[in-house]
Amino acid sequence: MGIGGISVWQLLIILLIVMMLFGTKRLRGLGSDLGAAIKGFRSSVSADEEKAEKDDAEAKDGDDATADTAQLKEGESK
C-alpha cells in the first residue's frame, strides 16, 4: 500500500497519463513556474522576518535608552 491507499503502480499510471495529456515541455514549464513562485514566497517571508527582527531590536534599544534617561532623571532629583 502506498500513499493514502494508492499503490506505486497506480501513481506511475497516473503520472504516465498526465505526461501524455500535457507533454513534458509543458510540465517542465509548470514545474519551473511553481519553483520560481515558491522561491519568491520564501524570499518575501525571510525579508519580512528580518525586518521584524530589526524593528524589535530597535524597539528594545529605544526601551533601554528610555530606562537610562529615567534613571538619570531620578539621580538628578535626589
Protein backbone atom coordinates (compact mmCIF):
# COMPACT_ATOMS: atom_id res chain seq x y z
CA MET A 1 0.00 0.00 0.00
CA GLY A 2 1.36 3.44 -0.87
CA ILE A 3 0.39 6.98 -0.08
CA GLY A 4 -3.23 7.35 1.03
CA GLY A 5 -4.24 3.88 -0.17
CA ILE A 6 -2.78 4.37 -3.67
CA SER A 7 -0.12 1.91 -4.71
CA VAL A 8 3.10 2.78 -6.53
CA TRP A 9 1.80 1.25 -9.76
CA GLN A 10 -1.32 3.40 -9.66
CA LEU A 11 0.81 6.52 -9.14
CA LEU A 12 3.00 5.57 -12.12
CA ILE A 13 -0.04 5.07 -14.34
CA ILE A 14 -1.44 8.48 -13.28
CA LEU A 15 1.94 10.08 -13.98
CA LEU A 16 2.06 8.48 -17.43
CA ILE A 17 -1.44 9.72 -18.29
CA VAL A 18 -0.60 13.26 -17.12
CA MET A 19 2.58 13.25 -19.21
CA MET A 20 0.61 12.09 -22.24
CA LEU A 21 -2.04 14.78 -21.77
CA PHE A 22 0.22 17.77 -21.11
CA GLY A 23 3.57 16.79 -22.57
CA THR A 24 6.94 17.03 -20.92
CA LYS A 25 7.68 20.59 -22.07
CA ARG A 26 4.51 21.97 -20.53
CA LEU A 27 5.09 20.03 -17.30
CA ARG A 28 8.67 21.33 -17.16
CA GLY A 29 7.35 24.88 -17.61
CA LEU A 30 4.78 24.39 -14.88
CA GLY A 31 7.46 22.99 -12.57
CA SER A 32 9.80 25.91 -13.16
CA ASP A 33 6.97 28.41 -12.63
CA LEU A 34 6.00 26.69 -9.41
CA GLY A 35 9.63 26.68 -8.26
CA ALA A 36 10.00 30.39 -9.01
CA ALA A 37 6.80 31.16 -7.10
CA ILE A 38 7.99 29.20 -4.06
CA LYS A 39 11.40 30.91 -4.21
CA GLY A 40 9.74 34.34 -4.34
CA PHE A 41 7.47 33.46 -1.43
CA ARG A 42 10.40 32.27 0.70
CA SER A 43 12.46 35.37 -0.02
CA SER A 44 9.48 37.59 0.83
CA VAL A 45 8.87 35.76 4.11
CA SER A 46 12.54 35.92 5.09
CA ALA A 47 12.67 39.65 4.26
CA ASP A 48 9.62 40.25 6.46
CA GLU A 49 11.18 38.25 9.31
CA GLU A 50 14.45 40.21 9.02
CA LYS A 51 12.51 43.48 9.09
CA ALA A 52 10.54 42.37 12.15
CA GLU A 53 13.74 41.34 13.95
CA LYS A 54 15.33 44.68 13.10
CA ASP A 55 12.27 46.58 14.36
CA ASP A 56 12.27 44.52 17.57
CA ALA A 57 15.96 45.24 18.12
CA GLU A 58 15.41 48.96 17.55
CA ALA A 59 12.45 48.98 19.93
CA LYS A 60 14.49 47.18 22.57
CA ASP A 61 17.34 49.68 22.15
CA GLY A 62 14.81 52.50 22.47
CA ASP A 63 13.42 50.98 25.67
CA ASP A 64 16.93 50.68 27.11
CA ALA A 65 17.65 54.32 26.28
CA THR A 66 14.37 55.40 27.91
CA ALA A 67 15.21 53.44 31.05
CA ASP A 68 18.69 55.02 31.19
CA THR A 69 17.18 58.50 30.82
CA ALA A 70 14.67 57.80 33.61
CA GLN A 71 17.49 56.65 35.91
CA LEU A 72 19.48 59.78 35.19
CA LYS A 73 16.49 61.99 35.99
CA GLU A 74 15.92 60.13 39.26
CA GLY A 75 19.56 60.69 40.18
CA GLU A 76 19.34 64.42 39.45
CA SER A 77 16.20 64.87 41.56
CA LYS A 78 17.80 63.29 44.66
